[in-house]
Amino acid sequence: MPIPPRSAHGPTSDPAADPGPRLCVVTGGAGCGKSTAVRLIAGALPEAGRFDADACVHQLLTEPLVRDKVVSALGDSMVAADGLVDRARLRKLVLADPDSRVKLEQLLHPMVADALLQQLAAGTSPWLVAEVPLFYESACDFPSDLVIAVAASPIIQRTRLQARGLKDAEIDALLEAQWPVDRKMRHADTCLWNDGPRSALESQIALLAAGPPFQHHS
């Protein structure tokens, strides 16, 4: 099935004219709860497919061809003794060195976008819900029908990232590498505020799933 002719980074003007799977992108800042939101959205839309950009990157880094490209861009030190990409070393490098981060993103982002478009084209569900943390930063022009930004206050972001074991310097570097949350909120079609308990997020998603555009294309 061909990829439906949607506009890049925005909804189609006539949903009724497009019978194919539609793409809901979930993005947001680090520590804002994107993964939780995606699980809840997918649960509220039981027929929806799911795509995880981070999981896609994880898979790509196991492929020899991608490993060789990483080595070519960032050096032999990125390969561990087992011949696979050393993820911990790679993460440390890209957080410390913006130039290396840009090189890695230029390598991986188009591959992730291709994988997402392939899954969208092959899908039979009404919706594909895709978690794409760097949707805006990637500058990959793939079509989306709805962009949801999951947002939280800076102090909550930091608290959650610290709970994952990140040091303050790592958190600073991670947040610096992303668009600020308020900028993502301004560009998104709708937002979920996730400072509070899980039940508050669940209530927002229940309202979202019960209204347009989800109920107009199901």
C-alpha atoms as a PDB file:
ATOM      1  CA  MET A   1       0.000   0.000   0.000  1.00  0.00           C
ATOM      2  CA  PRO A   2       1.463   3.415  -0.917  1.00  0.00           C
ATOM      3  CA  ILE A   3       2.142   6.061   1.716  1.00  0.00           C
ATOM      4  CA  PRO A   4      -0.913   8.324   1.898  1.00  0.00           C
ATOM      5  CA  PRO A   5      -0.326  11.812   0.467  1.00  0.00           C
ATOM      6  CA  ARG A   6      -0.263  13.879   3.644  1.00  0.00           C
ATOM      7  CA  SER A   7       1.415  17.187   4.296  1.00  0.00           C
ATOM      8  CA  ALA A   8       4.713  17.079   6.161  1.00  0.00           C
ATOM      9  CA  HIS A   9       4.513  17.947   9.860  1.00  0.00           C
ATOM     10  CA  GLY A  10       0.806  18.665   9.754  1.00  0.00           C
ATOM     11  CA  PRO A  11      -2.643  17.122   9.389  1.00  0.00           C
ATOM     12  CA  THR A  12      -4.335  16.482   6.099  1.00  0.00           C
ATOM     13  CA  SER A  13      -6.902  19.009   5.018  1.00  0.00           C
ATOM     14  CA  ASP A  14      -9.538  16.376   4.211  1.00  0.00           C
ATOM     15  CA  PRO A  15      -9.399  13.295   6.476  1.00  0.00           C
ATOM     16  CA  ALA A  16     -12.355  11.689   4.712  1.00  0.00           C
ATOM     17  CA  ALA A  17     -10.413  11.649   1.449  1.00  0.00           C
ATOM     18  CA  ASP A  18      -7.596   9.620   2.979  1.00  0.00           C
ATOM     19  CA  PRO A  19      -8.635   6.072   3.945  1.00  0.00           C
ATOM     20  CA  GLY A  20      -5.128   4.866   4.842  1.00  0.00           C
ATOM     21  CA  PRO A  21      -3.445   4.601   8.239  1.00  0.00           C
ATOM     22  CA  ARG A  22      -2.913   7.939   9.908  1.00  0.00           C
ATOM     23  CA  LEU A  23       0.150   8.946  11.866  1.00  0.00           C
ATOM     24  CA  CYS A  24       0.006  10.289  15.415  1.00  0.00           C
ATOM     25  CA  VAL A  25       3.441  11.445  16.539  1.00  0.00           C
ATOM     26  CA  VAL A  26       4.085  11.705  20.272  1.00  0.00           C
ATOM     27  CA  THR A  27       7.059  13.889  21.121  1.00  0.00           C
ATOM     28  CA  GLY A  28       8.215  16.025  24.036  1.00  0.00           C
ATOM     29  CA  GLY A  29      11.129  16.697  26.328  1.00  0.00           C
ATOM     30  CA  ALA A  30      13.299  14.222  28.186  1.00  0.00           C
ATOM     31  CA  GLY A  31      11.645  13.087  31.389  1.00  0.00           C
ATOM     32  CA  CYS A  32       8.203  14.305  30.346  1.00  0.00           C
ATOM     33  CA  GLY A  33       6.633  10.844  30.159  1.00  0.00           C
ATOM     34  CA  LYS A  34       6.371  10.225  26.426  1.00  0.00           C
ATOM     35  CA  SER A  35       6.576   6.440  26.712  1.00  0.00           C
ATOM     36  CA  THR A  36       3.843   6.337  29.331  1.00  0.00           C
ATOM     37  CA  ALA A  37       1.663   8.579  27.183  1.00  0.00           C
ATOM     38  CA  VAL A  38       2.170   6.363  24.119  1.00  0.00           C
ATOM     39  CA  ARG A  39       1.188   3.256  26.067  1.00  0.00           C
ATOM     40  CA  LEU A  40      -1.950   4.968  27.335  1.00  0.00           C
ATOM     41  CA  ILE A  41      -2.884   6.336  23.909  1.00  0.00           C
ATOM     42  CA  ALA A  42      -2.377   2.936  22.302  1.00  0.00           C
ATOM     43  CA  GLY A  43      -4.473   1.404  25.073  1.00  0.00           C
ATOM     44  CA  ALA A  44      -7.255   3.875  24.391  1.00  0.00           C
ATOM     45  CA  LEU A  45      -7.048   3.036  20.679  1.00  0.00           C
ATOM     46  CA  PRO A  46      -6.816  -0.767  20.785  1.00  0.00           C
ATOM     47  CA  GLU A  47      -6.538  -1.124  17.001  1.00  0.00           C
ATOM     48  CA  ALA A  48      -3.659   1.353  16.718  1.00  0.00           C
ATOM     49  CA  GLY A  49      -0.180   0.268  15.711  1.00  0.00           C
ATOM     50  CA  ARG A  50       2.898   1.505  17.562  1.00  0.00           C
ATOM     51  CA  PHE A  51       6.355   2.700  16.580  1.00  0.00           C
ATOM     52  CA  ASP A  52       9.215   3.525  18.960  1.00  0.00           C
ATOM     53  CA  ALA A  53      12.041   5.628  17.513  1.00  0.00           C
ATOM     54  CA  ASP A  54      14.418   4.774  20.362  1.00  0.00           C
ATOM     55  CA  ALA A  55      13.793   1.043  19.885  1.00  0.00           C
ATOM     56  CA  CYS A  56      14.406   1.518  16.170  1.00  0.00           C
ATOM     57  CA  VAL A  57      17.773   3.155  16.915  1.00  0.00           C
ATOM     58  CA  HIS A  58      18.615   0.279  19.263  1.00  0.00           C
ATOM     59  CA  GLN A  59      17.938  -2.194  16.457  1.00  0.00           C
ATOM     60  CA  LEU A  60      19.849  -0.171  13.871  1.00  0.00           C
ATOM     61  CA  LEU A  61      22.950  -0.099  16.065  1.00  0.00           C
ATOM     62  CA  THR A  62      23.055  -3.911  16.048  1.00  0.00           C
ATOM     63  CA  GLU A  63      23.374  -3.983  12.252  1.00  0.00           C
ATOM     64  CA  PRO A  64      26.932  -4.356  10.893  1.00  0.00           C
ATOM     65  CA  LEU A  65      26.403  -1.803   8.142  1.00  0.00           C
ATOM     66  CA  VAL A  66      25.210   0.824  10.604  1.00  0.00           C
ATOM     67  CA  ARG A  67      28.045  -0.048  13.004  1.00  0.00           C
ATOM     68  CA  ASP A  68      30.541   0.547  10.210  1.00  0.00           C
ATOM     69  CA  LYS A  69      28.981   3.906   9.439  1.00  0.00           C
ATOM     70  CA  VAL A  70      29.176   4.881  13.119  1.00  0.00           C
ATOM     71  CA  VAL A  71      32.852   3.920  13.146  1.00  0.00           C
ATOM     72  CA  SER A  72      33.459   5.919   9.988  1.00  0.00           C
ATOM     73  CA  ALA A  73      31.806   8.981  11.528  1.00  0.00           C
ATOM     74  CA  LEU A  74      32.994   8.738  15.127  1.00  0.00           C
ATOM     75  CA  GLY A  75      35.981   6.398  15.257  1.00  0.00           C
ATOM     76  CA  ASP A  76      36.935   2.841  16.202  1.00  0.00           C
ATOM     77  CA  SER A  77      36.515   3.547  19.918  1.00  0.00           C
ATOM     78  CA  MET A  78      32.739   3.316  19.445  1.00  0.00           C
ATOM     79  CA  VAL A  79      32.976  -0.475  19.043  1.00  0.00           C
ATOM     80  CA  ALA A  80      33.106  -2.752  22.091  1.00  0.00           C
ATOM     81  CA  ALA A  81      35.101  -5.960  22.424  1.00  0.00           C
ATOM     82  CA  ASP A  82      32.125  -7.999  21.203  1.00  0.00           C
ATOM     83  CA  GLY A  83      32.155  -6.142  17.891  1.00  0.00           C
ATOM     84  CA  LEU A  84      28.942  -4.246  18.601  1.00  0.00           C
ATOM     85  CA  VAL A  85      28.504  -0.519  19.078  1.00  0.00           C
ATOM     86  CA  ASP A  86      29.390   0.435  22.655  1.00  0.00           C
ATOM     87  CA  ARG A  87      26.185   2.244  23.550  1.00  0.00           C
ATOM     88  CA  ALA A  88      27.417   3.610  26.859  1.00  0.00           C
ATOM     89  CA  ARG A  89      30.508   5.093  25.244  1.00  0.00           C
ATOM     90  CA  LEU A  90      28.466   6.422  22.344  1.00  0.00           C
ATOM     91  CA  ARG A  91      25.977   8.088  24.679  1.00  0.00           C
ATOM     92  CA  LYS A  92      28.766   9.659  26.708  1.00  0.00           C
ATOM     93  CA  LEU A  93      30.438  11.009  23.584  1.00  0.00           C
ATOM     94  CA  VAL A  94      27.338  12.560  22.034  1.00  0.00           C
ATOM     95  CA  LEU A  95      26.315  14.191  25.313  1.00  0.00           C
ATOM     96  CA  ALA A  96      29.778  15.702  25.746  1.00  0.00           C
ATOM     97  CA  ASP A  97      30.471  16.656  22.125  1.00  0.00           C
ATOM     98  CA  PRO A  98      27.766  18.464  20.118  1.00  0.00           C
ATOM     99  CA  ASP A  99      29.631  17.907  16.832  1.00  0.00           C
ATOM    100  CA  SER A 100      29.619  14.141  17.388  1.00  0.00           C
ATOM    101  CA  ARG A 101      25.954  14.261  18.302  1.00  0.00           C
ATOM    102  CA  VAL A 102      25.130  16.046  15.056  1.00  0.00           C
ATOM    103  CA  LYS A 103      27.097  13.462  13.057  1.00  0.00           C
ATOM    104  CA  LEU A 104      25.244  10.605  14.726  1.00  0.00           C
ATOM    105  CA  GLU A 105      21.857  12.257  14.243  1.00  0.00           C
ATOM    106  CA  GLN A 106      22.571  12.917  10.570  1.00  0.00           C
ATOM    107  CA  LEU A 107      23.346   9.224  10.202  1.00  0.00           C
ATOM    108  CA  LEU A 108      20.462   7.743  12.180  1.00  0.00           C
ATOM    109  CA  HIS A 109      17.525  10.123  11.790  1.00  0.00           C
ATOM    110  CA  PRO A 110      16.908   9.392   8.083  1.00  0.00           C
ATOM    111  CA  MET A 111      17.048   5.649   8.807  1.00  0.00           C
ATOM    112  CA  VAL A 112      14.484   6.002  11.592  1.00  0.00           C
ATOM    113  CA  ALA A 113      12.232   8.089   9.352  1.00  0.00           C
ATOM    114  CA  ASP A 114      12.447   5.447   6.609  1.00  0.00           C
ATOM    115  CA  ALA A 115      11.541   2.689   9.066  1.00  0.00           C
ATOM    116  CA  LEU A 116       8.570   4.700  10.318  1.00  0.00           C
ATOM    117  CA  LEU A 117       7.292   5.366   6.813  1.00  0.00           C
ATOM    118  CA  GLN A 118       7.652   1.697   5.904  1.00  0.00           C
ATOM    119  CA  GLN A 119       5.601   0.646   8.920  1.00  0.00           C
ATOM    120  CA  LEU A 120       3.003   3.291   8.114  1.00  0.00           C
ATOM    121  CA  ALA A 121       2.757   2.145   4.500  1.00  0.00           C
ATOM    122  CA  ALA A 122       2.367  -1.501   5.535  1.00  0.00           C
ATOM    123  CA  GLY A 123      -0.163  -0.801   8.276  1.00  0.00           C
ATOM    124  CA  THR A 124      -3.800  -1.807   8.232  1.00  0.00           C
ATOM    125  CA  SER A 125      -4.868  -0.117  11.483  1.00  0.00           C
ATOM    126  CA  PRO A 126      -6.626   3.259  11.434  1.00  0.00           C
ATOM    127  CA  TRP A 127      -3.758   4.865  13.362  1.00  0.00           C
ATOM    128  CA  LEU A 128      -0.055   4.415  13.922  1.00  0.00           C
ATOM    129  CA  VAL A 129       1.071   5.979  17.218  1.00  0.00           C
ATOM    130  CA  ALA A 130       4.772   6.814  17.004  1.00  0.00           C
ATOM    131  CA  GLU A 131       7.001   7.910  19.864  1.00  0.00           C
ATOM    132  CA  VAL A 132       9.576  10.213  18.253  1.00  0.00           C
ATOM    133  CA  PRO A 133      11.455  12.200  20.945  1.00  0.00           C
ATOM    134  CA  LEU A 134      13.402  14.296  18.414  1.00  0.00           C
ATOM    135  CA  PHE A 135      10.575  14.773  15.916  1.00  0.00           C
ATOM    136  CA  TYR A 136      11.183  18.498  15.513  1.00  0.00           C
ATOM    137  CA  GLU A 137      14.948  18.390  15.991  1.00  0.00           C
ATOM    138  CA  SER A 138      15.439  15.697  13.352  1.00  0.00           C
ATOM    139  CA  ALA A 139      14.257  17.904  10.476  1.00  0.00           C
ATOM    140  CA  CYS A 140      13.010  14.767   8.701  1.00  0.00           C
ATOM    141  CA  ASP A 141      10.022  15.739   6.595  1.00  0.00           C
ATOM    142  CA  PHE A 142       7.732  12.779   7.040  1.00  0.00           C
ATOM    143  CA  PRO A 143       3.969  13.280   7.089  1.00  0.00           C
ATOM    144  CA  SER A 144       1.989  13.426  10.302  1.00  0.00           C
ATOM    145  CA  ASP A 145      -1.725  13.776  10.928  1.00  0.00           C
ATOM    146  CA  LEU A 146      -1.489  14.705  14.600  1.00  0.00           C
ATOM    147  CA  VAL A 147       1.474  15.769  16.733  1.00  0.00           C
ATOM    148  CA  ILE A 148       1.109  15.496  20.502  1.00  0.00           C
ATOM    149  CA  ALA A 149       3.677  17.121  22.767  1.00  0.00           C
ATOM    150  CA  VAL A 150       4.006  15.597  26.234  1.00  0.00           C
ATOM    151  CA  ALA A 151       5.200  18.339  28.564  1.00  0.00           C
ATOM    152  CA  ALA A 152       6.333  18.796  32.143  1.00  0.00           C
ATOM    153  CA  SER A 153       7.975  21.521  34.190  1.00  0.00           C
ATOM    154  CA  PRO A 154      11.794  21.679  34.262  1.00  0.00           C
ATOM    155  CA  ILE A 155      11.999  20.622  37.892  1.00  0.00           C
ATOM    156  CA  ILE A 156       9.879  17.521  37.209  1.00  0.00           C
ATOM    157  CA  GLN A 157      11.986  16.690  34.167  1.00  0.00           C
ATOM    158  CA  ARG A 158      15.144  16.866  36.248  1.00  0.00           C
ATOM    159  CA  THR A 159      13.673  14.844  39.088  1.00  0.00           C
ATOM    160  CA  ARG A 160      12.654  12.054  36.724  1.00  0.00           C
ATOM    161  CA  LEU A 161      15.996  12.051  34.902  1.00  0.00           C
ATOM    162  CA  GLN A 162      17.869  11.947  38.204  1.00  0.00           C
ATOM    163  CA  ALA A 163      15.753   8.949  39.172  1.00  0.00           C
ATOM    164  CA  ARG A 164      17.101   7.220  36.036  1.00  0.00           C
ATOM    165  CA  GLY A 165      20.619   7.687  37.339  1.00  0.00           C
ATOM    166  CA  LEU A 166      21.691  10.664  35.228  1.00  0.00           C
ATOM    167  CA  LYS A 167      24.091  13.185  36.726  1.00  0.00           C
ATOM    168  CA  ASP A 168      23.406  16.914  36.603  1.00  0.00           C
ATOM    169  CA  ALA A 169      25.964  17.473  33.836  1.00  0.00           C
ATOM    170  CA  GLU A 170      24.389  14.698  31.752  1.00  0.00           C
ATOM    171  CA  ILE A 171      20.932  16.157  32.262  1.00  0.00           C
ATOM    172  CA  ASP A 172      22.152  19.605  31.248  1.00  0.00           C
ATOM    173  CA  ALA A 173      23.695  18.205  28.071  1.00  0.00           C
ATOM    174  CA  LEU A 174      20.609  16.143  27.256  1.00  0.00           C
ATOM    175  CA  LEU A 175      18.230  19.069  27.663  1.00  0.00           C
ATOM    176  CA  GLU A 176      20.545  21.395  25.760  1.00  0.00           C
ATOM    177  CA  ALA A 177      20.456  19.000  22.797  1.00  0.00           C
ATOM    178  CA  GLN A 178      16.664  19.241  22.557  1.00  0.00           C
ATOM    179  CA  TRP A 179      14.198  21.979  21.779  1.00  0.00           C
ATOM    180  CA  PRO A 180      12.808  23.500  24.988  1.00  0.00           C
ATOM    181  CA  VAL A 181       9.518  21.953  26.018  1.00  0.00           C
ATOM    182  CA  ASP A 182       7.581  25.191  25.559  1.00  0.00           C
ATOM    183  CA  ARG A 183       8.818  25.450  21.964  1.00  0.00           C
ATOM    184  CA  LYS A 184       7.605  21.934  21.225  1.00  0.00           C
ATOM    185  CA  MET A 185       4.260  22.800  22.791  1.00  0.00           C
ATOM    186  CA  ARG A 186       3.866  25.805  20.494  1.00  0.00           C
ATOM    187  CA  HIS A 187       4.514  23.697  17.386  1.00  0.00           C
ATOM    188  CA  ALA A 188       2.398  20.665  18.334  1.00  0.00           C
ATOM    189  CA  ASP A 189      -1.259  20.186  17.443  1.00  0.00           C
ATOM    190  CA  THR A 190      -2.142  19.396  21.059  1.00  0.00           C
ATOM    191  CA  CYS A 191      -0.362  18.927  24.375  1.00  0.00           C
ATOM    192  CA  LEU A 192      -0.531  16.659  27.405  1.00  0.00           C
ATOM    193  CA  TRP A 193       0.652  18.184  30.684  1.00  0.00           C
ATOM    194  CA  ASN A 194       2.336  15.512  32.788  1.00  0.00           C
ATOM    195  CA  ASP A 195       3.501  17.089  36.023  1.00  0.00           C
ATOM    196  CA  GLY A 196       0.958  15.323  38.174  1.00  0.00           C
ATOM    197  CA  PRO A 197      -0.102  11.761  38.961  1.00  0.00           C
ATOM    198  CA  ARG A 198      -0.647   9.126  36.291  1.00  0.00           C
ATOM    199  CA  SER A 199      -4.406   9.461  36.753  1.00  0.00           C
ATOM    200  CA  ALA A 200      -4.240  13.067  35.507  1.00  0.00           C
ATOM    201  CA  LEU A 201      -2.479  11.945  32.337  1.00  0.00           C
ATOM    202  CA  GLU A 202      -4.982   9.116  31.903  1.00  0.00           C
ATOM    203  CA  SER A 203      -7.873  11.593  32.112  1.00  0.00           C
ATOM    204  CA  GLN A 204      -6.357  13.851  29.459  1.00  0.00           C
ATOM    205  CA  ILE A 205      -5.787  10.918  27.117  1.00  0.00           C
ATOM    206  CA  ALA A 206      -9.300   9.588  27.619  1.00  0.00           C
ATOM    207  CA  LEU A 207     -10.679  12.969  26.525  1.00  0.00           C
ATOM    208  CA  LEU A 208      -8.272  13.110  23.591  1.00  0.00           C
ATOM    209  CA  ALA A 209      -9.122   9.617  22.359  1.00  0.00           C
ATOM    210  CA  ALA A 210     -12.866  10.248  22.593  1.00  0.00           C
ATOM    211  CA  GLY A 211     -12.804  13.281  20.324  1.00  0.00           C
ATOM    212  CA  PRO A 212     -11.504  14.420  16.950  1.00  0.00           C
ATOM    213  CA  PRO A 213      -9.472  13.513  15.080  1.00  0.00           C
ATOM    214  CA  PHE A 214      -9.399   9.969  16.462  1.00  0.00           C
ATOM    215  CA  GLN A 215     -13.138   9.394  16.310  1.00  0.00           C
ATOM    216  CA  HIS A 216     -13.267  10.840  12.806  1.00  0.00           C
ATOM    217  CA  HIS A 217     -10.938   8.155  11.479  1.00  0.00           C
ATOM    218  CA  SER A 218     -11.487   4.812  13.144  1.00  0.00           C
END
